[in-house]
C-alpha cells in the first residue's frame, strides 16, 4: 500500500534534485561536481574545461543510447550523485533516439518533443527514486524580453526547460556580482530559481585555492538534510503523543459491546490528549465498530443504543 500516515513518512535519507543554470564560463560544471561522489554525463564536451582536481568519473557520451548503456556500469552504480551537463544538449541527443521510438516522431516535431518530454521525466524518476541518487542538471541560459524586464530562461528546446522545475527540490541561477560569483535560489523578476528545505536567497560561491576541492553542493545537500532532520525531531514529540492517544483510544474501542460501553468509549476518545491525526483516526475506527455491532446514536436519549437484529444495518 502506497498510503502513509504522517508518522510513517521518512525523509531521513532524501535524494535531492538540483538545477544549476547560468551563462557560459561561470563554473557551473565545477559547481555541479561538488555534489557527493558524482558521476558526470558530459553531453556538452565540457569536462576538459574543468580543472583536474575537480573532475570525477565521466561518461563523454555522443548519443542517448550511450547514456542508457553507461547507467548499467559499476561506476554509475557506485555514484551518489548523477550530473547531467547540459540538460539542453541531452535533449539534442535524445532527438535521434526519439525518432527511433515512434514513427510519428520521425516526421512531426511536436510528437518528437512529446516523446522526449516523457523520456526526460522517466529518466529523472529512475535516477532519483529507483536508483536512489542525487541528481544535478546543468543548463545554459538565454535572455528574453518580457515587458520592460529582461528575463533569463533555461536554454533548451521543447518543454523540458519548463517541466524540469517541477521535480527539482532547488535550482540556482549563477551570476557575477562585481568580481564575486553568486548563486540565487529565490526567484526574481530577472531569473527563475527555486528554494526548499532552508535553501533560499543568494549565496556567494567560494573562490578556490589551487588544488582545493569544491564542496559547495555537498555542503548544501547536508544543510538541507539537517533542516529536514530538525523538523523531524520536532515532529517526534508529537508522534509519541499520537501513538499514546491511539493506544488508549483503541483499548476502549475494543471493549465496545453495547450502548454503555460505546458511551464510555466516546467520552474517553473526546478527552484524550490528541496529537497529529489521532482524533480523526480514532473517530473513524469508532464509527466502524458501531456499524459492525449495530449501535447508533439516539438523539432523544443523547446516548448510544444497541439496535435489535432486525433494525441493524
C-alpha atoms as a PDB file:
ATOM      1  CA  UNK A   1       0.000   0.000   0.000  1.00  0.00           C
ATOM      2  CA  UNK A   2       1.358   3.431  -1.001  1.00  0.00           C
ATOM      3  CA  UNK A   3      -0.711   5.356   1.572  1.00  0.00           C
ATOM      4  CA  UNK A   4       1.303   6.575   4.555  1.00  0.00           C
ATOM      5  CA  UNK A   5       0.208   8.375   7.694  1.00  0.00           C
ATOM      6  CA  UNK A   6       2.195  11.443   8.805  1.00  0.00           C
ATOM      7  CA  UNK A   7       4.054   9.442  11.443  1.00  0.00           C
ATOM      8  CA  UNK A   8       5.110   6.872   8.820  1.00  0.00           C
ATOM      9  CA  UNK A   9       6.791   9.340   6.447  1.00  0.00           C
ATOM     10  CA  UNK A  10      10.583   9.063   6.437  1.00  0.00           C
ATOM     11  CA  UNK A  11      12.832  11.712   4.841  1.00  0.00           C
ATOM     12  CA  UNK A  12      15.991  10.758   6.743  1.00  0.00           C
ATOM     13  CA  UNK A  13      17.929   9.897   3.569  1.00  0.00           C
ATOM     14  CA  UNK A  14      16.353  12.107   0.936  1.00  0.00           C
ATOM     15  CA  UNK A  15      17.840  12.293  -2.548  1.00  0.00           C
ATOM     16  CA  UNK A  16      17.857  15.837  -3.887  1.00  0.00           C
ATOM     17  CA  UNK A  17      17.416  17.168  -7.405  1.00  0.00           C
ATOM     18  CA  UNK A  18      19.143  20.450  -8.153  1.00  0.00           C
ATOM     19  CA  UNK A  19      19.284  22.678 -11.244  1.00  0.00           C
ATOM     20  CA  UNK A  20      22.385  24.785 -11.845  1.00  0.00           C
ATOM     21  CA  UNK A  21      21.864  27.456 -14.526  1.00  0.00           C
ATOM     22  CA  UNK A  22      23.790  30.413 -15.870  1.00  0.00           C
ATOM     23  CA  UNK A  23      25.825  31.866 -18.720  1.00  0.00           C
ATOM     24  CA  UNK A  24      28.945  30.027 -20.021  1.00  0.00           C
ATOM     25  CA  UNK A  25      32.203  30.456 -18.156  1.00  0.00           C
ATOM     26  CA  UNK A  26      30.848  30.802 -14.609  1.00  0.00           C
ATOM     27  CA  UNK A  27      31.988  27.368 -13.426  1.00  0.00           C
ATOM     28  CA  UNK A  28      28.625  25.577 -13.499  1.00  0.00           C
ATOM     29  CA  UNK A  29      30.160  22.163 -14.182  1.00  0.00           C
ATOM     30  CA  UNK A  30      32.699  22.560 -11.394  1.00  0.00           C
ATOM     31  CA  UNK A  31      29.895  23.536  -9.033  1.00  0.00           C
ATOM     32  CA  UNK A  32      27.778  20.550 -10.125  1.00  0.00           C
ATOM     33  CA  UNK A  33      30.713  18.200  -9.497  1.00  0.00           C
ATOM     34  CA  UNK A  34      30.924  19.451  -5.907  1.00  0.00           C
ATOM     35  CA  UNK A  35      27.967  17.186  -5.077  1.00  0.00           C
ATOM     36  CA  UNK A  36      28.633  13.937  -3.151  1.00  0.00           C
ATOM     37  CA  UNK A  37      30.551  11.293  -5.155  1.00  0.00           C
ATOM     38  CA  UNK A  38      29.467  12.481  -8.619  1.00  0.00           C
ATOM     39  CA  UNK A  39      29.191  10.628 -11.912  1.00  0.00           C
ATOM     40  CA  UNK A  40      29.136  13.062 -14.843  1.00  0.00           C
ATOM     41  CA  UNK A  41      27.224  12.514 -18.076  1.00  0.00           C
ATOM     42  CA  UNK A  42      29.078  15.010 -20.256  1.00  0.00           C
ATOM     43  CA  UNK A  43      26.811  15.748 -23.202  1.00  0.00           C
ATOM     44  CA  UNK A  44      28.390  19.158 -23.795  1.00  0.00           C
ATOM     45  CA  UNK A  45      32.063  18.062 -24.005  1.00  0.00           C
ATOM     46  CA  UNK A  46      32.828  20.393 -21.117  1.00  0.00           C
ATOM     47  CA  UNK A  47      34.906  18.202 -18.824  1.00  0.00           C
ATOM     48  CA  UNK A  48      38.131  19.437 -20.470  1.00  0.00           C
ATOM     49  CA  UNK A  49      37.409  22.925 -19.115  1.00  0.00           C
ATOM     50  CA  UNK A  50      37.181  21.641 -15.542  1.00  0.00           C
ATOM     51  CA  UNK A  51      40.398  21.718 -13.514  1.00  0.00           C
ATOM     52  CA  UNK A  52      41.903  18.306 -12.818  1.00  0.00           C
ATOM     53  CA  UNK A  53      41.251  18.335  -9.048  1.00  0.00           C
ATOM     54  CA  UNK A  54      37.514  18.897  -9.620  1.00  0.00           C
ATOM     55  CA  UNK A  55      36.952  16.114 -12.151  1.00  0.00           C
ATOM     56  CA  UNK A  56      35.175  12.865 -11.383  1.00  0.00           C
ATOM     57  CA  UNK A  57      34.102   9.706 -13.183  1.00  0.00           C
ATOM     58  CA  UNK A  58      32.771  10.845 -16.543  1.00  0.00           C
ATOM     59  CA  UNK A  59      30.814   9.433 -19.460  1.00  0.00           C
ATOM     60  CA  UNK A  60      31.686  11.522 -22.535  1.00  0.00           C
ATOM     61  CA  UNK A  61      28.620  10.431 -24.457  1.00  0.00           C
ATOM     62  CA  UNK A  62      27.809  11.095 -28.083  1.00  0.00           C
ATOM     63  CA  UNK A  63      24.336   9.555 -28.092  1.00  0.00           C
ATOM     64  CA  UNK A  64      21.475   8.981 -25.667  1.00  0.00           C
ATOM     65  CA  UNK A  65      21.889   5.239 -26.164  1.00  0.00           C
ATOM     66  CA  UNK A  66      25.400   5.532 -24.696  1.00  0.00           C
ATOM     67  CA  UNK A  67      23.949   7.188 -21.606  1.00  0.00           C
ATOM     68  CA  UNK A  68      21.417   4.408 -21.113  1.00  0.00           C
ATOM     69  CA  UNK A  69      24.179   1.830 -21.545  1.00  0.00           C
ATOM     70  CA  UNK A  70      26.525   3.547 -19.071  1.00  0.00           C
ATOM     71  CA  UNK A  71      23.733   3.622 -16.476  1.00  0.00           C
ATOM     72  CA  UNK A  72      24.309  -0.135 -16.191  1.00  0.00           C
ATOM     73  CA  UNK A  73      28.006   0.287 -15.344  1.00  0.00           C
ATOM     74  CA  UNK A  74      29.591  -0.367 -11.954  1.00  0.00           C
ATOM     75  CA  UNK A  75      30.864   3.224 -11.880  1.00  0.00           C
ATOM     76  CA  UNK A  76      27.320   4.558 -12.227  1.00  0.00           C
ATOM     77  CA  UNK A  77      26.013   2.222  -9.529  1.00  0.00           C
ATOM     78  CA  UNK A  78      28.768   3.304  -7.119  1.00  0.00           C
ATOM     79  CA  UNK A  79      27.994   7.020  -7.511  1.00  0.00           C
ATOM     80  CA  UNK A  80      25.903   9.029  -5.060  1.00  0.00           C
ATOM     81  CA  UNK A  81      25.133  11.908  -7.436  1.00  0.00           C
ATOM     82  CA  UNK A  82      24.398  11.914 -11.168  1.00  0.00           C
ATOM     83  CA  UNK A  83      25.332  15.121 -13.008  1.00  0.00           C
ATOM     84  CA  UNK A  84      23.909  15.870 -16.465  1.00  0.00           C
ATOM     85  CA  UNK A  85      25.812  18.599 -18.335  1.00  0.00           C
ATOM     86  CA  UNK A  86      23.910  20.092 -20.018  1.00  0.00           C
ATOM     87  CA  UNK A  87      20.193  19.382 -19.959  1.00  0.00           C
ATOM     88  CA  UNK A  88      19.817  21.288 -23.227  1.00  0.00           C
ATOM     89  CA  UNK A  89      22.413  19.169 -25.022  1.00  0.00           C
ATOM     90  CA  UNK A  90      20.878  15.989 -23.603  1.00  0.00           C
ATOM     91  CA  UNK A  91      17.596  16.952 -25.279  1.00  0.00           C
ATOM     92  CA  UNK A  92      19.520  17.374 -28.547  1.00  0.00           C
ATOM     93  CA  UNK A  93      20.975  13.869 -28.207  1.00  0.00           C
ATOM     94  CA  UNK A  94      17.522  12.496 -27.422  1.00  0.00           C
ATOM     95  CA  UNK A  95      16.182  13.607 -30.807  1.00  0.00           C
ATOM     96  CA  UNK A  96      17.610  10.709 -32.829  1.00  0.00           C
ATOM     97  CA  UNK A  97      16.622   8.267 -30.097  1.00  0.00           C
ATOM     98  CA  UNK A  98      13.044   9.636 -30.025  1.00  0.00           C
ATOM     99  CA  UNK A  99      12.660   9.296 -33.790  1.00  0.00           C
ATOM    100  CA  UNK A 100      13.524   5.597 -33.497  1.00  0.00           C
ATOM    101  CA  UNK A 101      10.926   5.056 -30.766  1.00  0.00           C
ATOM    102  CA  UNK A 102       7.913   6.483 -32.596  1.00  0.00           C
ATOM    103  CA  UNK A 103       7.316   6.617 -36.349  1.00  0.00           C
ATOM    104  CA  UNK A 104       5.243   9.777 -35.912  1.00  0.00           C
ATOM    105  CA  UNK A 105       8.088  11.441 -34.008  1.00  0.00           C
ATOM    106  CA  UNK A 106      10.336  10.965 -37.042  1.00  0.00           C
ATOM    107  CA  UNK A 107       8.036  13.174 -39.109  1.00  0.00           C
ATOM    108  CA  UNK A 108       6.386  15.517 -36.602  1.00  0.00           C
ATOM    109  CA  UNK A 109       8.490  17.809 -34.383  1.00  0.00           C
ATOM    110  CA  UNK A 110       5.747  18.160 -31.769  1.00  0.00           C
ATOM    111  CA  UNK A 111       5.411  14.395 -31.494  1.00  0.00           C
ATOM    112  CA  UNK A 112       9.198  14.096 -31.185  1.00  0.00           C
ATOM    113  CA  UNK A 113       9.346  16.581 -28.301  1.00  0.00           C
ATOM    114  CA  UNK A 114       6.420  14.793 -26.689  1.00  0.00           C
ATOM    115  CA  UNK A 115       8.456  11.572 -26.672  1.00  0.00           C
ATOM    116  CA  UNK A 116      11.494  13.466 -25.314  1.00  0.00           C
ATOM    117  CA  UNK A 117       9.462  15.086 -22.519  1.00  0.00           C
ATOM    118  CA  UNK A 118       8.075  11.716 -21.420  1.00  0.00           C
ATOM    119  CA  UNK A 119      11.538  10.140 -21.505  1.00  0.00           C
ATOM    120  CA  UNK A 120      13.145  13.031 -19.602  1.00  0.00           C
ATOM    121  CA  UNK A 121      10.531  12.601 -16.868  1.00  0.00           C
ATOM    122  CA  UNK A 122      11.161   8.860 -16.773  1.00  0.00           C
ATOM    123  CA  UNK A 123      14.921   9.368 -16.615  1.00  0.00           C
ATOM    124  CA  UNK A 124      14.695  11.738 -13.636  1.00  0.00           C
ATOM    125  CA  UNK A 125      12.344   9.311 -11.893  1.00  0.00           C
ATOM    126  CA  UNK A 126      14.731   6.389 -12.411  1.00  0.00           C
ATOM    127  CA  UNK A 127      17.819   8.234 -11.190  1.00  0.00           C
ATOM    128  CA  UNK A 128      16.186   9.606  -8.048  1.00  0.00           C
ATOM    129  CA  UNK A 129      13.592   7.077  -6.953  1.00  0.00           C
ATOM    130  CA  UNK A 130      14.703   3.762  -8.445  1.00  0.00           C
ATOM    131  CA  UNK A 131      18.478   4.192  -8.426  1.00  0.00           C
ATOM    132  CA  UNK A 132      18.279   6.382  -5.275  1.00  0.00           C
ATOM    133  CA  UNK A 133      20.812   9.031  -6.272  1.00  0.00           C
ATOM    134  CA  UNK A 134      21.029  12.805  -6.116  1.00  0.00           C
ATOM    135  CA  UNK A 135      20.521  14.445  -9.499  1.00  0.00           C
ATOM    136  CA  UNK A 136      22.129  17.696 -10.670  1.00  0.00           C
ATOM    137  CA  UNK A 137      21.185  19.066 -14.094  1.00  0.00           C
ATOM    138  CA  UNK A 138      23.263  21.886 -15.585  1.00  0.00           C
ATOM    139  CA  UNK A 139      21.725  24.339 -18.054  1.00  0.00           C
ATOM    140  CA  UNK A 140      22.998  27.282 -20.039  1.00  0.00           C
ATOM    141  CA  UNK A 141      20.632  30.256 -20.008  1.00  0.00           C
ATOM    142  CA  UNK A 142      19.263  32.594 -22.626  1.00  0.00           C
ATOM    143  CA  UNK A 143      17.668  36.028 -22.303  1.00  0.00           C
ATOM    144  CA  UNK A 144      14.230  37.124 -23.424  1.00  0.00           C
ATOM    145  CA  UNK A 145      12.371  40.407 -23.237  1.00  0.00           C
ATOM    146  CA  UNK A 146       9.181  40.453 -21.158  1.00  0.00           C
ATOM    147  CA  UNK A 147       7.724  43.943 -20.966  1.00  0.00           C
ATOM    148  CA  UNK A 148      10.388  46.208 -19.540  1.00  0.00           C
ATOM    149  CA  UNK A 149      12.250  43.308 -17.932  1.00  0.00           C
ATOM    150  CA  UNK A 150      14.891  41.038 -19.446  1.00  0.00           C
ATOM    151  CA  UNK A 151      14.351  37.532 -18.098  1.00  0.00           C
ATOM    152  CA  UNK A 152      16.760  34.619 -18.211  1.00  0.00           C
ATOM    153  CA  UNK A 153      15.407  31.181 -19.092  1.00  0.00           C
ATOM    154  CA  UNK A 154      16.944  27.744 -19.372  1.00  0.00           C
ATOM    155  CA  UNK A 155      18.453  27.216 -22.807  1.00  0.00           C
ATOM    156  CA  UNK A 156      16.663  24.108 -24.024  1.00  0.00           C
ATOM    157  CA  UNK A 157      14.375  23.160 -26.891  1.00  0.00           C
ATOM    158  CA  UNK A 158      10.859  21.924 -26.253  1.00  0.00           C
ATOM    159  CA  UNK A 159       9.009  21.960 -22.940  1.00  0.00           C
ATOM    160  CA  UNK A 160      11.825  20.370 -20.922  1.00  0.00           C
ATOM    161  CA  UNK A 161      13.011  23.830 -19.824  1.00  0.00           C
ATOM    162  CA  UNK A 162       9.656  24.267 -18.075  1.00  0.00           C
ATOM    163  CA  UNK A 163       8.816  20.800 -16.751  1.00  0.00           C
ATOM    164  CA  UNK A 164      12.286  20.228 -15.232  1.00  0.00           C
ATOM    165  CA  UNK A 165      11.494  22.719 -12.453  1.00  0.00           C
ATOM    166  CA  UNK A 166       8.601  20.638 -11.114  1.00  0.00           C
ATOM    167  CA  UNK A 167      10.579  17.664  -9.693  1.00  0.00           C
ATOM    168  CA  UNK A 168      13.561  19.821  -8.641  1.00  0.00           C
ATOM    169  CA  UNK A 169      13.995  20.433  -4.908  1.00  0.00           C
ATOM    170  CA  UNK A 170      16.026  23.551  -5.561  1.00  0.00           C
ATOM    171  CA  UNK A 171      17.522  25.344  -8.517  1.00  0.00           C
ATOM    172  CA  UNK A 172      20.144  28.064  -8.560  1.00  0.00           C
ATOM    173  CA  UNK A 173      20.945  30.807 -11.060  1.00  0.00           C
ATOM    174  CA  UNK A 174      24.652  31.676 -11.191  1.00  0.00           C
ATOM    175  CA  UNK A 175      25.761  35.247 -11.923  1.00  0.00           C
ATOM    176  CA  UNK A 176      28.561  37.709 -11.269  1.00  0.00           C
ATOM    177  CA  UNK A 177      28.230  40.457  -8.672  1.00  0.00           C
ATOM    178  CA  UNK A 178      31.284  42.564  -9.263  1.00  0.00           C
ATOM    179  CA  UNK A 179      34.125  40.062  -9.087  1.00  0.00           C
ATOM    180  CA  UNK A 180      32.202  37.593  -6.902  1.00  0.00           C
ATOM    181  CA  UNK A 181      30.400  34.527  -8.218  1.00  0.00           C
ATOM    182  CA  UNK A 182      26.917  34.278  -6.727  1.00  0.00           C
ATOM    183  CA  UNK A 183      24.044  31.814  -6.961  1.00  0.00           C
ATOM    184  CA  UNK A 184      20.406  32.700  -6.282  1.00  0.00           C
ATOM    185  CA  UNK A 185      17.869  30.150  -5.026  1.00  0.00           C
ATOM    186  CA  UNK A 186      14.921  32.546  -4.766  1.00  0.00           C
ATOM    187  CA  UNK A 187      13.102  33.527  -7.997  1.00  0.00           C
ATOM    188  CA  UNK A 188      13.125  37.161  -9.074  1.00  0.00           C
ATOM    189  CA  UNK A 189      11.699  39.152 -11.975  1.00  0.00           C
ATOM    190  CA  UNK A 190      15.008  38.612 -13.778  1.00  0.00           C
ATOM    191  CA  UNK A 191      15.581  34.867 -13.331  1.00  0.00           C
ATOM    192  CA  UNK A 192      13.961  31.570 -12.432  1.00  0.00           C
ATOM    193  CA  UNK A 193      15.125  29.797  -9.272  1.00  0.00           C
ATOM    194  CA  UNK A 194      13.742  27.502  -6.608  1.00  0.00           C
ATOM    195  CA  UNK A 195      14.394  27.032  -2.914  1.00  0.00           C
ATOM    196  CA  UNK A 196      13.306  24.428  -0.388  1.00  0.00           C
ATOM    197  CA  UNK A 197      14.421  22.814   2.899  1.00  0.00           C
ATOM    198  CA  UNK A 198      16.033  26.042   4.082  1.00  0.00           C
ATOM    199  CA  UNK A 199      17.911  26.617   0.816  1.00  0.00           C
ATOM    200  CA  UNK A 200      16.957  30.109  -0.359  1.00  0.00           C
ATOM    201  CA  UNK A 201      18.246  33.570  -1.093  1.00  0.00           C
ATOM    202  CA  UNK A 202      21.586  34.453  -2.686  1.00  0.00           C
ATOM    203  CA  UNK A 203      24.832  32.735  -1.690  1.00  0.00           C
ATOM    204  CA  UNK A 204      28.425  33.502  -2.598  1.00  0.00           C
ATOM    205  CA  UNK A 205      30.357  30.689  -4.247  1.00  0.00           C
ATOM    206  CA  UNK A 206      33.756  30.418  -2.531  1.00  0.00           C
ATOM    207  CA  UNK A 207      36.868  31.071  -4.574  1.00  0.00           C
ATOM    208  CA  UNK A 208      39.122  28.016  -4.554  1.00  0.00           C
ATOM    209  CA  UNK A 209      42.811  27.876  -3.864  1.00  0.00           C
ATOM    210  CA  UNK A 210      44.946  25.817  -6.299  1.00  0.00           C
ATOM    211  CA  UNK A 211      44.378  22.149  -5.550  1.00  0.00           C
ATOM    212  CA  UNK A 212      41.379  22.827  -3.302  1.00  0.00           C
ATOM    213  CA  UNK A 213      38.344  20.613  -3.932  1.00  0.00           C
ATOM    214  CA  UNK A 214      34.977  22.321  -4.307  1.00  0.00           C
ATOM    215  CA  UNK A 215      32.380  21.000  -1.812  1.00  0.00           C
ATOM    216  CA  UNK A 216      29.623  23.586  -2.272  1.00  0.00           C
ATOM    217  CA  UNK A 217      26.773  21.233  -3.218  1.00  0.00           C
ATOM    218  CA  UNK A 218      27.887  18.555  -0.755  1.00  0.00           C
ATOM    219  CA  UNK A 219      27.593  21.168   1.993  1.00  0.00           C
ATOM    220  CA  UNK A 220      24.289  22.435   0.590  1.00  0.00           C
ATOM    221  CA  UNK A 221      22.760  18.946   0.480  1.00  0.00           C
ATOM    222  CA  UNK A 222      23.989  18.322   4.033  1.00  0.00           C
ATOM    223  CA  UNK A 223      22.389  21.567   5.232  1.00  0.00           C
ATOM    224  CA  UNK A 224      19.092  20.681   3.573  1.00  0.00           C
ATOM    225  CA  UNK A 225      19.135  17.203   5.165  1.00  0.00           C
ATOM    226  CA  UNK A 226      19.917  18.694   8.584  1.00  0.00           C
ATOM    227  CA  UNK A 227      16.939  21.041   8.202  1.00  0.00           C
ATOM    228  CA  UNK A 228      14.723  18.071   7.346  1.00  0.00           C
ATOM    229  CA  UNK A 229      16.049  16.134  10.343  1.00  0.00           C
ATOM    230  CA  UNK A 230      15.428  19.102  12.634  1.00  0.00           C
ATOM    231  CA  UNK A 231      11.817  19.245  11.521  1.00  0.00           C
ATOM    232  CA  UNK A 232      11.546  15.511  12.122  1.00  0.00           C
ATOM    233  CA  UNK A 233      12.869  15.859  15.685  1.00  0.00           C
ATOM    234  CA  UNK A 234      10.155  18.447  16.422  1.00  0.00           C
ATOM    235  CA  UNK A 235       7.642  16.009  14.969  1.00  0.00           C
ATOM    236  CA  UNK A 236       8.948  13.138  17.150  1.00  0.00           C
ATOM    237  CA  UNK A 237       7.396  14.518  20.364  1.00  0.00           C
ATOM    238  CA  UNK A 238       4.039  14.818  18.609  1.00  0.00           C
ATOM    239  CA  UNK A 239       4.412  11.298  17.247  1.00  0.00           C
ATOM    240  CA  UNK A 240       4.876   9.895  20.751  1.00  0.00           C
ATOM    241  CA  UNK A 241       1.694  11.677  21.909  1.00  0.00           C
ATOM    242  CA  UNK A 242      -0.055  10.428  18.767  1.00  0.00           C
ATOM    243  CA  UNK A 243       0.945   6.819  19.474  1.00  0.00           C
ATOM    244  CA  UNK A 244      -0.190   7.107  23.098  1.00  0.00           C
ATOM    245  CA  UNK A 245      -3.572   8.519  22.046  1.00  0.00           C
ATOM    246  CA  UNK A 246      -4.130   5.704  19.563  1.00  0.00           C
ATOM    247  CA  UNK A 247      -3.230   3.051  22.132  1.00  0.00           C
ATOM    248  CA  UNK A 248      -5.626   4.465  24.733  1.00  0.00           C
ATOM    249  CA  UNK A 249      -8.464   5.073  22.291  1.00  0.00           C
ATOM    250  CA  UNK A 250      -8.203   1.678  20.627  1.00  0.00           C
ATOM    251  CA  UNK A 251      -8.232  -0.083  24.002  1.00  0.00           C
ATOM    252  CA  UNK A 252     -11.664   1.432  24.748  1.00  0.00           C
ATOM    253  CA  UNK A 253     -12.953   0.802  21.212  1.00  0.00           C
ATOM    254  CA  UNK A 254     -12.041  -2.876  21.600  1.00  0.00           C
ATOM    255  CA  UNK A 255     -14.279  -3.075  24.717  1.00  0.00           C
ATOM    256  CA  UNK A 256     -17.408  -1.759  22.954  1.00  0.00           C
ATOM    257  CA  UNK A 257     -20.229  -4.296  23.068  1.00  0.00           C
ATOM    258  CA  UNK A 258     -23.363  -2.249  23.821  1.00  0.00           C
ATOM    259  CA  UNK A 259     -24.621   1.293  24.294  1.00  0.00           C
ATOM    260  CA  UNK A 260     -22.998   1.815  27.692  1.00  0.00           C
ATOM    261  CA  UNK A 261     -19.517   0.780  26.561  1.00  0.00           C
ATOM    262  CA  UNK A 262     -19.957   2.860  23.387  1.00  0.00           C
ATOM    263  CA  UNK A 263     -20.824   5.925  25.500  1.00  0.00           C
ATOM    264  CA  UNK A 264     -17.776   5.353  27.707  1.00  0.00           C
ATOM    265  CA  UNK A 265     -15.500   4.950  24.657  1.00  0.00           C
ATOM    266  CA  UNK A 266     -16.906   8.119  23.061  1.00  0.00           C
ATOM    267  CA  UNK A 267     -16.275  10.126  26.245  1.00  0.00           C
ATOM    268  CA  UNK A 268     -12.746   8.743  26.576  1.00  0.00           C
ATOM    269  CA  UNK A 269     -11.822   9.463  22.940  1.00  0.00           C
ATOM    270  CA  UNK A 270     -13.128  13.012  23.286  1.00  0.00           C
ATOM    271  CA  UNK A 271     -10.992  13.716  26.364  1.00  0.00           C
ATOM    272  CA  UNK A 272      -7.773  12.016  25.258  1.00  0.00           C
ATOM    273  CA  UNK A 273      -4.813  14.329  24.643  1.00  0.00           C
ATOM    274  CA  UNK A 274      -4.733  14.115  20.869  1.00  0.00           C
ATOM    275  CA  UNK A 275      -1.837  14.785  18.513  1.00  0.00           C
ATOM    276  CA  UNK A 276      -1.482  14.910  14.739  1.00  0.00           C
ATOM    277  CA  UNK A 277      -4.379  12.912  13.215  1.00  0.00           C
ATOM    278  CA  UNK A 278      -5.237  10.742  16.230  1.00  0.00           C
ATOM    279  CA  UNK A 279      -8.685  12.340  16.755  1.00  0.00           C
ATOM    280  CA  UNK A 280      -9.750  11.723  13.141  1.00  0.00           C
ATOM    281  CA  UNK A 281      -8.356   8.183  13.017  1.00  0.00           C
ATOM    282  CA  UNK A 282      -9.951   7.100  16.294  1.00  0.00           C
ATOM    283  CA  UNK A 283     -13.233   8.707  15.237  1.00  0.00           C
ATOM    284  CA  UNK A 284     -13.254   6.654  12.043  1.00  0.00           C
ATOM    285  CA  UNK A 285     -12.404   3.433  13.904  1.00  0.00           C
ATOM    286  CA  UNK A 286     -15.130   4.193  16.483  1.00  0.00           C
ATOM    287  CA  UNK A 287     -17.766   4.619  13.750  1.00  0.00           C
ATOM    288  CA  UNK A 288     -16.735   1.384  12.051  1.00  0.00           C
ATOM    289  CA  UNK A 289     -17.051  -0.539  15.314  1.00  0.00           C
ATOM    290  CA  UNK A 290     -20.521   0.888  15.967  1.00  0.00           C
ATOM    291  CA  UNK A 291     -21.655  -0.085  12.480  1.00  0.00           C
ATOM    292  CA  UNK A 292     -20.352  -3.640  12.928  1.00  0.00           C
ATOM    293  CA  UNK A 293     -22.273  -4.044  16.218  1.00  0.00           C
ATOM    294  CA  UNK A 294     -25.446  -2.249  15.161  1.00  0.00           C
ATOM    295  CA  UNK A 295     -25.079   0.636  17.594  1.00  0.00           C
ATOM    296  CA  UNK A 296     -26.389   4.101  16.770  1.00  0.00           C
ATOM    297  CA  UNK A 297     -26.698   7.458  18.494  1.00  0.00           C
ATOM    298  CA  UNK A 298     -30.206   8.219  19.862  1.00  0.00           C
ATOM    299  CA  UNK A 299     -30.757  11.973  19.699  1.00  0.00           C
ATOM    300  CA  UNK A 300     -33.639  11.904  22.189  1.00  0.00           C
ATOM    301  CA  UNK A 301     -31.730   9.900  24.777  1.00  0.00           C
ATOM    302  CA  UNK A 302     -28.488  11.668  23.841  1.00  0.00           C
ATOM    303  CA  UNK A 303     -26.583   8.405  24.085  1.00  0.00           C
ATOM    304  CA  UNK A 304     -25.600   5.385  22.045  1.00  0.00           C
ATOM    305  CA  UNK A 305     -28.018   2.462  21.958  1.00  0.00           C
ATOM    306  CA  UNK A 306     -27.785  -1.088  20.594  1.00  0.00           C
ATOM    307  CA  UNK A 307     -30.271  -1.770  17.801  1.00  0.00           C
ATOM    308  CA  UNK A 308     -32.105  -5.081  17.618  1.00  0.00           C
ATOM    309  CA  UNK A 309     -31.056  -7.547  14.921  1.00  0.00           C
ATOM    310  CA  UNK A 310     -33.840  -6.551  12.519  1.00  0.00           C
ATOM    311  CA  UNK A 311     -33.016  -2.839  12.777  1.00  0.00           C
ATOM    312  CA  UNK A 312     -29.260  -3.219  12.477  1.00  0.00           C
ATOM    313  CA  UNK A 313     -27.666  -2.068   9.242  1.00  0.00           C
END
